[in-house]
Amino acid sequence: MAASVQAQNADVGLINMLNGDITYVSGSSPSAKAQPFMKVRQGDRFTVPAGGQLRVVYFQGGRQETYKGPASFRAGMQSGEAGSGAAPEVATLPSSVPQRISQVPELVQIAKLGRSGGVAVRGAERPPRLTAEQLAEVKTAKGIYGKMRAQSPSDDITPELYLYSVLQDYLLYDDMKPVVEEMAKRQPGNSEVLELVAWVKSRTQ
């Protein structure tokens, strides 16, 4: 029974695009408003109103689902279980992407805390010197990004979030700048994206 409860409370995915007043119910908690870059738990039940849109990426298997309201669904381990409305649009992400996407809430928090705590401008910092292996990882990530970008809808910033997480590992702020600018262009009303833009700007001035 304990294992069953733990599975019900497991983070299985992440909201990576949200438009409209979308609500969800988690366990026995009251209905709440879904938030951008919110982690999704197994068993969460979502309601997407008419005109609303919600995109969820699942960590296991890399399935990405886009729901257009009116619709409802329940989050499973690797996919949603439709309740009402049209079936979601489905895409499958490269295997290396879901784990990176799972880090997005923490990356947004780093940006918010860094700015609120007073961040020194980059000026005196020396660009990091990467090993050959690290350079290869960054090159591979940029290649994956390019392929994802070519296949993704214009309002989907999953490719940018993926590349951002890789570049953040190595503090490559100059490389991150065009990435966050691309995010802001594709989702101009996303306040969390604007936090990332401001954070990177503070590190590249």
N, C-alpha and C. Protein backbone atom coordinates (compact mmCIF):
# COMPACT_ATOMS: atom_id res chain seq x y z
N MET A 1 0.83 -1.20 0.00
CA MET A 1 0.00 0.00 0.00
C MET A 1 0.87 1.25 0.00
N ALA A 2 1.95 1.23 0.79
CA ALA A 2 2.85 2.38 0.84
C ALA A 2 3.45 2.65 -0.53
N ALA A 3 3.82 1.58 -1.24
CA ALA A 3 4.38 1.73 -2.58
C ALA A 3 3.36 2.35 -3.52
N SER A 4 2.10 1.96 -3.36
CA SER A 4 1.03 2.51 -4.21
C SER A 4 0.85 3.99 -3.97
N VAL A 5 0.87 4.40 -2.68
CA VAL A 5 0.74 5.81 -2.35
C VAL A 5 1.91 6.61 -2.89
N GLN A 6 3.12 6.04 -2.78
CA GLN A 6 4.31 6.72 -3.28
C GLN A 6 4.22 6.91 -4.80
N ALA A 7 3.72 5.91 -5.50
CA ALA A 7 3.58 6.02 -6.96
C ALA A 7 2.59 7.12 -7.31
N GLN A 8 1.50 7.22 -6.53
CA GLN A 8 0.50 8.25 -6.79
C GLN A 8 1.08 9.65 -6.61
N ASN A 9 2.09 9.78 -5.72
CA ASN A 9 2.68 11.08 -5.44
C ASN A 9 3.92 11.38 -6.28
N ALA A 10 4.25 10.47 -7.19
CA ALA A 10 5.47 10.64 -7.98
C ALA A 10 5.30 11.73 -9.05
N ASP A 11 6.36 12.52 -9.26
CA ASP A 11 6.37 13.49 -10.36
C ASP A 11 6.58 12.72 -11.66
N VAL A 12 5.65 12.87 -12.58
CA VAL A 12 5.73 12.11 -13.83
C VAL A 12 5.94 13.00 -15.04
N GLY A 13 5.73 14.31 -14.89
CA GLY A 13 5.86 15.18 -16.04
C GLY A 13 5.95 16.64 -15.65
N LEU A 14 5.92 17.49 -16.66
CA LEU A 14 6.07 18.93 -16.47
C LEU A 14 5.18 19.67 -17.46
N ILE A 15 4.52 20.72 -16.99
CA ILE A 15 3.77 21.59 -17.89
C ILE A 15 4.76 22.53 -18.56
N ASN A 16 4.87 22.46 -19.87
CA ASN A 16 5.81 23.36 -20.56
C ASN A 16 5.13 24.36 -21.47
N MET A 17 3.80 24.42 -21.43
CA MET A 17 3.05 25.48 -22.11
C MET A 17 1.64 25.50 -21.54
N LEU A 18 1.15 26.71 -21.24
CA LEU A 18 -0.15 26.85 -20.62
C LEU A 18 -0.79 28.14 -21.07
N ASN A 19 -2.01 28.04 -21.59
CA ASN A 19 -2.79 29.21 -21.96
C ASN A 19 -4.20 29.04 -21.41
N GLY A 20 -4.70 30.04 -20.68
CA GLY A 20 -6.05 29.97 -20.15
C GLY A 20 -6.09 29.57 -18.69
N ASP A 21 -7.28 29.61 -18.12
CA ASP A 21 -7.47 29.29 -16.71
C ASP A 21 -7.66 27.78 -16.55
N ILE A 22 -6.57 27.07 -16.55
CA ILE A 22 -6.59 25.62 -16.46
C ILE A 22 -6.48 25.21 -15.00
N THR A 23 -7.34 24.30 -14.58
CA THR A 23 -7.35 23.86 -13.19
C THR A 23 -6.98 22.38 -13.09
N TYR A 24 -6.57 21.99 -11.88
CA TYR A 24 -6.23 20.59 -11.66
C TYR A 24 -6.57 20.19 -10.24
N VAL A 25 -6.74 18.91 -10.03
CA VAL A 25 -6.98 18.36 -8.70
C VAL A 25 -5.93 17.28 -8.47
N SER A 26 -5.21 17.39 -7.36
CA SER A 26 -4.17 16.43 -7.02
C SER A 26 -4.56 15.71 -5.75
N GLY A 27 -4.80 14.40 -5.86
CA GLY A 27 -5.20 13.62 -4.70
C GLY A 27 -6.50 14.12 -4.11
N SER A 28 -6.50 14.33 -2.79
CA SER A 28 -7.70 14.82 -2.11
C SER A 28 -7.69 16.34 -1.92
N SER A 29 -6.71 17.01 -2.51
CA SER A 29 -6.61 18.46 -2.39
C SER A 29 -7.71 19.14 -3.20
N PRO A 30 -8.09 20.36 -2.82
CA PRO A 30 -9.10 21.09 -3.60
C PRO A 30 -8.55 21.50 -4.96
N SER A 31 -9.44 21.84 -5.87
CA SER A 31 -9.05 22.27 -7.20
C SER A 31 -8.18 23.53 -7.11
N ALA A 32 -7.14 23.58 -7.95
CA ALA A 32 -6.22 24.73 -7.95
C ALA A 32 -5.90 25.10 -9.40
N LYS A 33 -5.36 26.28 -9.57
CA LYS A 33 -5.01 26.76 -10.90
C LYS A 33 -3.63 26.24 -11.29
N ALA A 34 -3.53 25.66 -12.47
CA ALA A 34 -2.24 25.17 -12.96
C ALA A 34 -1.30 26.33 -13.23
N GLN A 35 0.00 26.09 -13.04
CA GLN A 35 1.02 27.12 -13.21
C GLN A 35 2.04 26.71 -14.27
N PRO A 36 2.66 27.69 -14.96
CA PRO A 36 3.71 27.37 -15.94
C PRO A 36 4.86 26.62 -15.27
N PHE A 37 5.40 25.63 -15.94
CA PHE A 37 6.55 24.85 -15.47
C PHE A 37 6.27 24.12 -14.17
N MET A 38 5.01 23.82 -13.92
CA MET A 38 4.62 23.05 -12.75
C MET A 38 4.83 21.57 -13.02
N LYS A 39 5.37 20.86 -12.02
CA LYS A 39 5.52 19.41 -12.18
C LYS A 39 4.16 18.74 -12.00
N VAL A 40 3.96 17.68 -12.76
CA VAL A 40 2.71 16.93 -12.76
C VAL A 40 2.92 15.61 -12.03
N ARG A 41 1.99 15.27 -11.16
CA ARG A 41 2.08 14.00 -10.43
C ARG A 41 1.11 12.97 -11.02
N GLN A 42 1.48 11.73 -10.88
CA GLN A 42 0.60 10.67 -11.34
C GLN A 42 -0.74 10.78 -10.63
N GLY A 43 -1.82 10.73 -11.41
CA GLY A 43 -3.15 10.82 -10.83
C GLY A 43 -3.75 12.22 -10.85
N ASP A 44 -2.93 13.26 -11.12
CA ASP A 44 -3.47 14.62 -11.21
C ASP A 44 -4.53 14.67 -12.32
N ARG A 45 -5.63 15.37 -12.05
CA ARG A 45 -6.72 15.49 -13.01
C ARG A 45 -6.83 16.93 -13.47
N PHE A 46 -6.72 17.14 -14.77
CA PHE A 46 -6.71 18.48 -15.35
C PHE A 46 -7.98 18.78 -16.13
N THR A 47 -8.42 20.03 -16.06
CA THR A 47 -9.55 20.50 -16.85
C THR A 47 -9.10 21.70 -17.66
N VAL A 48 -9.21 21.58 -18.98
CA VAL A 48 -8.80 22.64 -19.90
C VAL A 48 -10.07 23.27 -20.47
N PRO A 49 -10.34 24.55 -20.18
CA PRO A 49 -11.58 25.17 -20.66
C PRO A 49 -11.53 25.47 -22.16
N ALA A 50 -12.67 25.79 -22.72
CA ALA A 50 -12.74 26.17 -24.13
C ALA A 50 -11.80 27.35 -24.38
N GLY A 51 -10.99 27.24 -25.41
CA GLY A 51 -10.02 28.29 -25.72
C GLY A 51 -8.69 28.13 -25.01
N GLY A 52 -8.64 27.23 -24.03
CA GLY A 52 -7.40 26.99 -23.29
C GLY A 52 -6.53 25.96 -23.98
N GLN A 53 -5.28 25.93 -23.59
CA GLN A 53 -4.33 24.99 -24.18
C GLN A 53 -3.29 24.60 -23.13
N LEU A 54 -2.96 23.32 -23.09
CA LEU A 54 -2.00 22.82 -22.10
C LEU A 54 -1.09 21.79 -22.77
N ARG A 55 0.21 21.93 -22.52
CA ARG A 55 1.18 20.97 -23.05
C ARG A 55 1.94 20.35 -21.89
N VAL A 56 2.01 19.03 -21.88
CA VAL A 56 2.70 18.29 -20.82
C VAL A 56 3.73 17.36 -21.44
N VAL A 57 4.93 17.32 -20.87
CA VAL A 57 5.94 16.36 -21.30
C VAL A 57 6.14 15.36 -20.16
N TYR A 58 6.12 14.08 -20.49
CA TYR A 58 6.30 13.02 -19.50
C TYR A 58 7.77 12.61 -19.45
N PHE A 59 8.29 12.44 -18.22
CA PHE A 59 9.70 12.16 -18.04
C PHE A 59 10.08 10.76 -18.53
N GLN A 60 9.20 9.79 -18.32
CA GLN A 60 9.48 8.44 -18.80
C GLN A 60 8.92 8.26 -20.21
N GLY A 61 9.81 8.04 -21.15
CA GLY A 61 9.38 7.81 -22.52
C GLY A 61 9.37 9.04 -23.39
N GLY A 62 9.37 10.24 -22.78
CA GLY A 62 9.48 11.47 -23.56
C GLY A 62 8.24 11.81 -24.37
N ARG A 63 7.08 11.31 -23.97
CA ARG A 63 5.84 11.63 -24.68
C ARG A 63 5.41 13.05 -24.31
N GLN A 64 5.06 13.82 -25.34
CA GLN A 64 4.58 15.18 -25.12
C GLN A 64 3.17 15.29 -25.67
N GLU A 65 2.26 15.76 -24.83
CA GLU A 65 0.85 15.85 -25.20
C GLU A 65 0.38 17.30 -25.14
N THR A 66 -0.35 17.72 -26.16
CA THR A 66 -0.92 19.07 -26.19
C THR A 66 -2.44 18.95 -26.23
N TYR A 67 -3.08 19.47 -25.19
CA TYR A 67 -4.55 19.42 -25.08
C TYR A 67 -5.13 20.80 -25.40
N LYS A 68 -6.18 20.80 -26.22
CA LYS A 68 -6.90 22.03 -26.55
C LYS A 68 -8.32 21.90 -26.02
N GLY A 69 -8.72 22.91 -25.23
CA GLY A 69 -10.02 22.84 -24.58
C GLY A 69 -11.20 23.05 -25.51
N PRO A 70 -12.36 22.60 -25.07
CA PRO A 70 -12.60 21.98 -23.77
C PRO A 70 -12.12 20.52 -23.76
N ALA A 71 -11.41 20.17 -22.69
CA ALA A 71 -10.90 18.80 -22.56
C ALA A 71 -10.55 18.54 -21.10
N SER A 72 -10.48 17.27 -20.75
CA SER A 72 -10.02 16.88 -19.42
C SER A 72 -9.23 15.59 -19.55
N PHE A 73 -8.30 15.38 -18.62
CA PHE A 73 -7.50 14.15 -18.63
C PHE A 73 -6.89 13.91 -17.26
N ARG A 74 -6.45 12.69 -17.07
CA ARG A 74 -5.77 12.30 -15.83
C ARG A 74 -4.35 11.88 -16.19
N ALA A 75 -3.37 12.38 -15.45
CA ALA A 75 -1.97 12.07 -15.74
C ALA A 75 -1.62 10.67 -15.27
N GLY A 76 -1.06 9.86 -16.18
CA GLY A 76 -0.55 8.55 -15.82
C GLY A 76 0.96 8.59 -15.70
N MET A 77 1.61 7.45 -15.68
CA MET A 77 3.06 7.41 -15.54
C MET A 77 3.77 7.95 -16.78
N GLN A 78 3.28 7.56 -17.96
CA GLN A 78 3.97 7.93 -19.21
C GLN A 78 3.06 8.61 -20.21
N SER A 79 1.78 8.79 -19.87
CA SER A 79 0.83 9.44 -20.79
C SER A 79 -0.41 9.82 -20.02
N GLY A 80 -1.23 10.65 -20.64
CA GLY A 80 -2.48 11.06 -20.03
C GLY A 80 -3.61 10.11 -20.41
N GLU A 81 -4.58 10.01 -19.52
CA GLU A 81 -5.77 9.22 -19.80
C GLU A 81 -6.91 10.19 -20.06
N ALA A 82 -7.37 10.24 -21.32
CA ALA A 82 -8.37 11.22 -21.71
C ALA A 82 -9.68 11.02 -20.96
N GLY A 83 -10.28 12.15 -20.56
CA GLY A 83 -11.57 12.10 -19.90
C GLY A 83 -12.67 12.59 -20.81
N SER A 84 -12.49 13.76 -21.39
CA SER A 84 -13.46 14.32 -22.30
C SER A 84 -12.75 15.23 -23.29
N GLY A 85 -13.45 15.56 -24.37
CA GLY A 85 -12.85 16.44 -25.37
C GLY A 85 -12.03 15.69 -26.38
N ALA A 86 -11.38 16.44 -27.26
CA ALA A 86 -10.58 15.85 -28.34
C ALA A 86 -9.31 15.21 -27.79
N ALA A 87 -8.83 14.21 -28.51
CA ALA A 87 -7.56 13.57 -28.14
C ALA A 87 -6.43 14.58 -28.28
N PRO A 88 -5.37 14.44 -27.47
CA PRO A 88 -4.27 15.40 -27.54
C PRO A 88 -3.41 15.19 -28.79
N GLU A 89 -2.72 16.25 -29.17
CA GLU A 89 -1.67 16.13 -30.19
C GLU A 89 -0.45 15.54 -29.48
N VAL A 90 0.18 14.56 -30.10
CA VAL A 90 1.26 13.82 -29.44
C VAL A 90 2.56 13.92 -30.22
N ALA A 91 3.65 14.11 -29.50
CA ALA A 91 5.00 14.07 -30.09
C ALA A 91 5.89 13.29 -29.13
N THR A 92 6.97 12.72 -29.65
CA THR A 92 7.93 11.99 -28.82
C THR A 92 9.27 12.71 -28.87
N LEU A 93 9.79 13.06 -27.71
CA LEU A 93 11.04 13.81 -27.63
C LEU A 93 12.24 12.86 -27.63
N PRO A 94 13.42 13.35 -28.07
CA PRO A 94 14.64 12.54 -28.00
C PRO A 94 14.89 12.06 -26.57
N SER A 95 15.53 10.92 -26.43
CA SER A 95 15.68 10.27 -25.12
C SER A 95 16.42 11.11 -24.09
N SER A 96 17.31 11.99 -24.53
CA SER A 96 18.09 12.79 -23.59
C SER A 96 17.35 14.02 -23.08
N VAL A 97 16.19 14.31 -23.64
CA VAL A 97 15.49 15.57 -23.35
C VAL A 97 14.66 15.54 -22.06
N PRO A 98 13.84 14.50 -21.79
CA PRO A 98 12.96 14.54 -20.62
C PRO A 98 13.66 14.81 -19.30
N GLN A 99 14.82 14.20 -19.07
CA GLN A 99 15.52 14.42 -17.81
C GLN A 99 15.96 15.87 -17.68
N ARG A 100 16.36 16.46 -18.77
CA ARG A 100 16.73 17.87 -18.76
C ARG A 100 15.52 18.76 -18.47
N ILE A 101 14.40 18.43 -19.09
CA ILE A 101 13.19 19.21 -18.90
C ILE A 101 12.73 19.15 -17.44
N SER A 102 12.98 18.03 -16.78
CA SER A 102 12.57 17.88 -15.38
C SER A 102 13.29 18.88 -14.47
N GLN A 103 14.41 19.44 -14.93
CA GLN A 103 15.20 20.38 -14.13
C GLN A 103 14.71 21.82 -14.24
N VAL A 104 13.76 22.07 -15.14
CA VAL A 104 13.36 23.44 -15.44
C VAL A 104 12.86 24.21 -14.21
N PRO A 105 12.00 23.63 -13.34
CA PRO A 105 11.57 24.41 -12.17
C PRO A 105 12.73 24.88 -11.30
N GLU A 106 13.74 24.03 -11.15
CA GLU A 106 14.91 24.41 -10.35
C GLU A 106 15.71 25.53 -11.04
N LEU A 107 15.79 25.48 -12.38
CA LEU A 107 16.52 26.51 -13.11
C LEU A 107 15.81 27.86 -13.00
N VAL A 108 14.47 27.84 -13.03
CA VAL A 108 13.72 29.08 -12.85
C VAL A 108 13.94 29.62 -11.45
N GLN A 109 13.98 28.73 -10.46
CA GLN A 109 14.20 29.16 -9.08
C GLN A 109 15.58 29.77 -8.90
N ILE A 110 16.58 29.19 -9.57
CA ILE A 110 17.94 29.75 -9.51
C ILE A 110 17.93 31.18 -10.05
N ALA A 111 17.22 31.38 -11.15
CA ALA A 111 17.14 32.71 -11.76
C ALA A 111 16.48 33.71 -10.82
N LYS A 112 15.37 33.30 -10.21
CA LYS A 112 14.65 34.21 -9.31
C LYS A 112 15.47 34.54 -8.07
N LEU A 113 16.07 33.53 -7.45
CA LEU A 113 16.85 33.75 -6.24
C LEU A 113 18.12 34.55 -6.54
N GLY A 114 18.73 34.26 -7.69
CA GLY A 114 19.94 34.98 -8.07
C GLY A 114 19.68 36.46 -8.23
N ARG A 115 18.55 36.80 -8.84
CA ARG A 115 18.24 38.21 -9.06
C ARG A 115 17.81 38.90 -7.78
N SER A 116 17.02 38.22 -6.97
CA SER A 116 16.55 38.85 -5.73
C SER A 116 17.67 39.02 -4.73
N GLY A 117 18.71 38.17 -4.86
CA GLY A 117 19.83 38.24 -3.92
C GLY A 117 20.90 39.23 -4.34
N GLY A 118 20.72 39.86 -5.50
CA GLY A 118 21.72 40.81 -5.96
C GLY A 118 22.85 40.09 -6.64
N VAL A 119 22.86 40.11 -7.94
CA VAL A 119 23.84 39.37 -8.70
C VAL A 119 24.93 40.29 -9.22
N ALA A 120 26.18 39.90 -9.03
CA ALA A 120 27.28 40.68 -9.58
C ALA A 120 27.31 40.51 -11.09
N VAL A 121 27.58 41.58 -11.81
CA VAL A 121 27.65 41.46 -13.26
C VAL A 121 28.85 40.62 -13.65
N ARG A 122 28.81 40.14 -14.86
CA ARG A 122 29.80 39.14 -15.25
C ARG A 122 31.21 39.73 -15.34
N GLY A 123 31.31 40.99 -15.75
CA GLY A 123 32.57 41.67 -15.93
C GLY A 123 33.86 40.94 -15.62
N ALA A 124 34.10 40.66 -14.33
CA ALA A 124 35.39 40.10 -13.91
C ALA A 124 35.47 38.59 -14.08
N GLU A 125 34.35 37.95 -14.45
CA GLU A 125 34.37 36.51 -14.58
C GLU A 125 35.10 36.08 -15.85
N ARG A 126 35.80 34.98 -15.75
CA ARG A 126 36.45 34.41 -16.92
C ARG A 126 35.53 33.34 -17.51
N PRO A 127 35.41 33.29 -18.82
CA PRO A 127 34.59 32.23 -19.42
C PRO A 127 35.11 30.87 -19.00
N PRO A 128 34.22 29.93 -18.70
CA PRO A 128 34.67 28.60 -18.27
C PRO A 128 35.44 27.89 -19.37
N ARG A 129 36.43 27.12 -18.98
CA ARG A 129 37.19 26.34 -19.95
C ARG A 129 36.67 24.91 -19.90
N LEU A 130 36.07 24.48 -20.98
CA LEU A 130 35.46 23.16 -21.01
C LEU A 130 36.44 22.11 -21.52
N THR A 131 36.25 20.89 -21.02
CA THR A 131 37.04 19.77 -21.52
C THR A 131 36.51 19.35 -22.89
N ALA A 132 37.27 18.52 -23.57
CA ALA A 132 36.84 18.04 -24.88
C ALA A 132 35.50 17.31 -24.77
N GLU A 133 35.33 16.56 -23.69
CA GLU A 133 34.08 15.81 -23.49
C GLU A 133 32.90 16.77 -23.28
N GLN A 134 33.14 17.83 -22.52
CA GLN A 134 32.08 18.80 -22.27
C GLN A 134 31.73 19.56 -23.54
N LEU A 135 32.74 19.93 -24.30
CA LEU A 135 32.48 20.60 -25.58
C LEU A 135 31.66 19.72 -26.51
N ALA A 136 31.97 18.41 -26.49
CA ALA A 136 31.23 17.47 -27.33
C ALA A 136 29.77 17.38 -26.88
N GLU A 137 29.55 17.42 -25.57
CA GLU A 137 28.18 17.37 -25.06
C GLU A 137 27.39 18.59 -25.50
N VAL A 138 28.01 19.76 -25.42
CA VAL A 138 27.34 20.99 -25.84
C VAL A 138 27.04 20.95 -27.34
N LYS A 139 27.99 20.47 -28.13
CA LYS A 139 27.79 20.37 -29.57
C LYS A 139 26.64 19.42 -29.89
N THR A 140 26.60 18.28 -29.20
CA THR A 140 25.52 17.32 -29.41
C THR A 140 24.17 17.93 -29.04
N ALA A 141 24.15 18.65 -27.91
CA ALA A 141 22.91 19.29 -27.46
C ALA A 141 22.41 20.30 -28.48
N LYS A 142 23.32 21.07 -29.07
CA LYS A 142 22.92 22.05 -30.07
C LYS A 142 22.37 21.36 -31.31
N GLY A 143 22.93 20.20 -31.65
CA GLY A 143 22.42 19.43 -32.78
C GLY A 143 21.02 18.90 -32.52
N ILE A 144 20.80 18.38 -31.30
CA ILE A 144 19.46 17.89 -30.92
C ILE A 144 18.47 19.06 -30.91
N TYR A 145 18.92 20.19 -30.41
CA TYR A 145 18.06 21.37 -30.39
C TYR A 145 17.60 21.74 -31.79
N GLY A 146 18.54 21.76 -32.74
CA GLY A 146 18.21 22.14 -34.11
C GLY A 146 17.15 21.23 -34.71
N LYS A 147 17.28 19.94 -34.47
CA LYS A 147 16.31 18.98 -35.01
C LYS A 147 14.95 19.16 -34.34
N MET A 148 14.95 19.35 -33.02
CA MET A 148 13.70 19.56 -32.30
C MET A 148 13.00 20.84 -32.75
N ARG A 149 13.78 21.88 -32.92
CA ARG A 149 13.20 23.17 -33.31
C ARG A 149 12.50 23.07 -34.66
N ALA A 150 13.11 22.32 -35.57
CA ALA A 150 12.55 22.17 -36.91
C ALA A 150 11.24 21.39 -36.90
N GLN A 151 11.05 20.55 -35.87
CA GLN A 151 9.87 19.69 -35.82
C GLN A 151 8.81 20.16 -34.83
N SER A 152 9.08 21.24 -34.09
CA SER A 152 8.18 21.67 -33.02
C SER A 152 7.29 22.82 -33.46
N PRO A 153 6.08 22.92 -32.88
CA PRO A 153 5.20 24.06 -33.16
C PRO A 153 5.88 25.37 -32.77
N SER A 154 5.42 26.47 -33.36
CA SER A 154 6.07 27.76 -33.13
C SER A 154 5.98 28.22 -31.68
N ASP A 155 4.93 27.79 -30.95
CA ASP A 155 4.78 28.23 -29.56
C ASP A 155 5.37 27.25 -28.56
N ASP A 156 6.07 26.23 -29.04
CA ASP A 156 6.65 25.21 -28.19
C ASP A 156 8.10 25.58 -27.87
N ILE A 157 8.38 25.84 -26.58
CA ILE A 157 9.75 26.22 -26.20
C ILE A 157 10.51 25.06 -25.56
N THR A 158 9.99 23.85 -25.71
CA THR A 158 10.71 22.68 -25.18
C THR A 158 12.14 22.59 -25.72
N PRO A 159 12.36 22.83 -27.02
CA PRO A 159 13.74 22.78 -27.53
C PRO A 159 14.65 23.77 -26.81
N GLU A 160 14.15 24.98 -26.60
CA GLU A 160 14.97 25.99 -25.93
C GLU A 160 15.22 25.64 -24.46
N LEU A 161 14.21 25.12 -23.78
CA LEU A 161 14.38 24.73 -22.38
C LEU A 161 15.44 23.63 -22.26
N TYR A 162 15.43 22.71 -23.19
CA TYR A 162 16.42 21.63 -23.19
C TYR A 162 17.84 22.20 -23.34
N LEU A 163 18.03 23.04 -24.36
CA LEU A 163 19.37 23.58 -24.61
C LEU A 163 19.80 24.48 -23.46
N TYR A 164 18.88 25.26 -22.92
CA TYR A 164 19.19 26.14 -21.79
C TYR A 164 19.75 25.32 -20.62
N SER A 165 19.14 24.17 -20.33
CA SER A 165 19.57 23.38 -19.17
C SER A 165 20.99 22.85 -19.36
N VAL A 166 21.34 22.50 -20.59
CA VAL A 166 22.69 22.02 -20.86
C VAL A 166 23.70 23.17 -20.72
N LEU A 167 23.39 24.31 -21.29
CA LEU A 167 24.29 25.46 -21.23
C LEU A 167 24.45 25.96 -19.79
N GLN A 168 23.37 25.87 -19.00
CA GLN A 168 23.43 26.30 -17.60
C GLN A 168 24.43 25.45 -16.81
N ASP A 169 24.52 24.18 -17.14
CA ASP A 169 25.47 23.30 -16.44
C ASP A 169 26.89 23.84 -16.50
N TYR A 170 27.22 24.49 -17.61
CA TYR A 170 28.59 24.98 -17.82
C TYR A 170 28.69 26.50 -17.77
N LEU A 171 27.60 27.14 -17.29
CA LEU A 171 27.59 28.60 -17.11
C LEU A 171 27.93 29.35 -18.39
N LEU A 172 27.42 28.84 -19.50
CA LEU A 172 27.69 29.46 -20.80
C LEU A 172 26.64 30.53 -21.08
N TYR A 173 26.73 31.62 -20.33
CA TYR A 173 25.69 32.66 -20.38
C TYR A 173 25.60 33.34 -21.74
N ASP A 174 26.73 33.55 -22.42
CA ASP A 174 26.68 34.19 -23.74
C ASP A 174 25.90 33.32 -24.72
N ASP A 175 26.07 32.01 -24.61
CA ASP A 175 25.33 31.10 -25.48
C ASP A 175 23.87 31.03 -25.07
N MET A 176 23.59 31.24 -23.78
CA MET A 176 22.21 31.16 -23.29
C MET A 176 21.39 32.38 -23.71
N LYS A 177 22.04 33.49 -23.98
CA LYS A 177 21.31 34.73 -24.27
C LYS A 177 20.38 34.59 -25.47
N PRO A 178 20.85 34.13 -26.64
CA PRO A 178 19.91 33.98 -27.76
C PRO A 178 18.85 32.91 -27.51
N VAL A 179 19.15 31.95 -26.65
CA VAL A 179 18.18 30.89 -26.34
C VAL A 179 17.00 31.47 -25.56
N VAL A 180 17.28 32.28 -24.54
CA VAL A 180 16.18 32.87 -23.75
C VAL A 180 15.42 33.91 -24.57
N GLU A 181 16.12 34.60 -25.46
CA GLU A 181 15.45 35.56 -26.32
C GLU A 181 14.47 34.85 -27.26
N GLU A 182 14.86 33.67 -27.72
CA GLU A 182 13.99 32.88 -28.57
C GLU A 182 12.76 32.40 -27.78
N MET A 183 12.97 32.01 -26.53
CA MET A 183 11.84 31.61 -25.68
C MET A 183 10.84 32.76 -25.55
N ALA A 184 11.36 33.96 -25.26
CA ALA A 184 10.50 35.12 -25.04
C ALA A 184 9.73 35.48 -26.32
N LYS A 185 10.36 35.29 -27.45
CA LYS A 185 9.69 35.58 -28.72
C LYS A 185 8.54 34.61 -28.97
N ARG A 186 8.72 33.36 -28.58
CA ARG A 186 7.71 32.33 -28.83
C ARG A 186 6.61 32.30 -27.76
N GLN A 187 6.94 32.70 -26.53
CA GLN A 187 5.94 32.77 -25.47
C GLN A 187 6.10 34.10 -24.72
N PRO A 188 5.74 35.21 -25.36
CA PRO A 188 5.98 36.54 -24.78
C PRO A 188 5.24 36.80 -23.47
N GLY A 189 4.16 36.06 -23.21
CA GLY A 189 3.40 36.30 -21.99
C GLY A 189 3.80 35.42 -20.83
N ASN A 190 4.84 34.62 -20.99
CA ASN A 190 5.25 33.68 -19.95
C ASN A 190 6.17 34.39 -18.95
N SER A 191 5.67 34.62 -17.74
CA SER A 191 6.44 35.37 -16.74
C SER A 191 7.69 34.62 -16.29
N GLU A 192 7.63 33.28 -16.30
CA GLU A 192 8.80 32.50 -15.89
C GLU A 192 9.92 32.63 -16.93
N VAL A 193 9.55 32.67 -18.18
CA VAL A 193 10.54 32.87 -19.25
C VAL A 193 11.20 34.24 -19.09
N LEU A 194 10.41 35.25 -18.75
CA LEU A 194 10.97 36.59 -18.57
C LEU A 194 11.96 36.61 -17.41
N GLU A 195 11.74 35.76 -16.40
CA GLU A 195 12.71 35.65 -15.31
C GLU A 195 14.04 35.11 -15.83
N LEU A 196 13.97 34.11 -16.71
CA LEU A 196 15.20 33.55 -17.29
C LEU A 196 15.91 34.58 -18.15
N VAL A 197 15.13 35.36 -18.90
CA VAL A 197 15.73 36.41 -19.73
C VAL A 197 16.47 37.41 -18.87
N ALA A 198 15.83 37.87 -17.80
CA ALA A 198 16.45 38.86 -16.92
C ALA A 198 17.69 38.30 -16.23
N TRP A 199 17.64 37.04 -15.85
CA TRP A 199 18.78 36.39 -15.18
C TRP A 199 19.98 36.34 -16.11
N VAL A 200 19.76 35.87 -17.32
CA VAL A 200 20.87 35.76 -18.27
C VAL A 200 21.41 37.15 -18.62
N LYS A 201 20.53 38.11 -18.76
CA LYS A 201 20.96 39.49 -19.05
C LYS A 201 21.87 40.00 -17.95
N SER A 202 21.52 39.69 -16.69
CA SER A 202 22.33 40.16 -15.56
C SER A 202 23.72 39.53 -15.55
N ARG A 203 23.85 38.38 -16.19
CA ARG A 203 25.13 37.68 -16.21
C ARG A 203 25.97 38.01 -17.45
N THR A 204 25.40 38.76 -18.38
CA THR A 204 26.13 39.04 -19.62
C THR A 204 26.34 40.52 -19.84
N GLN A 205 25.95 41.34 -18.89
CA GLN A 205 26.14 42.78 -19.04
C GLN A 205 27.62 43.15 -18.94
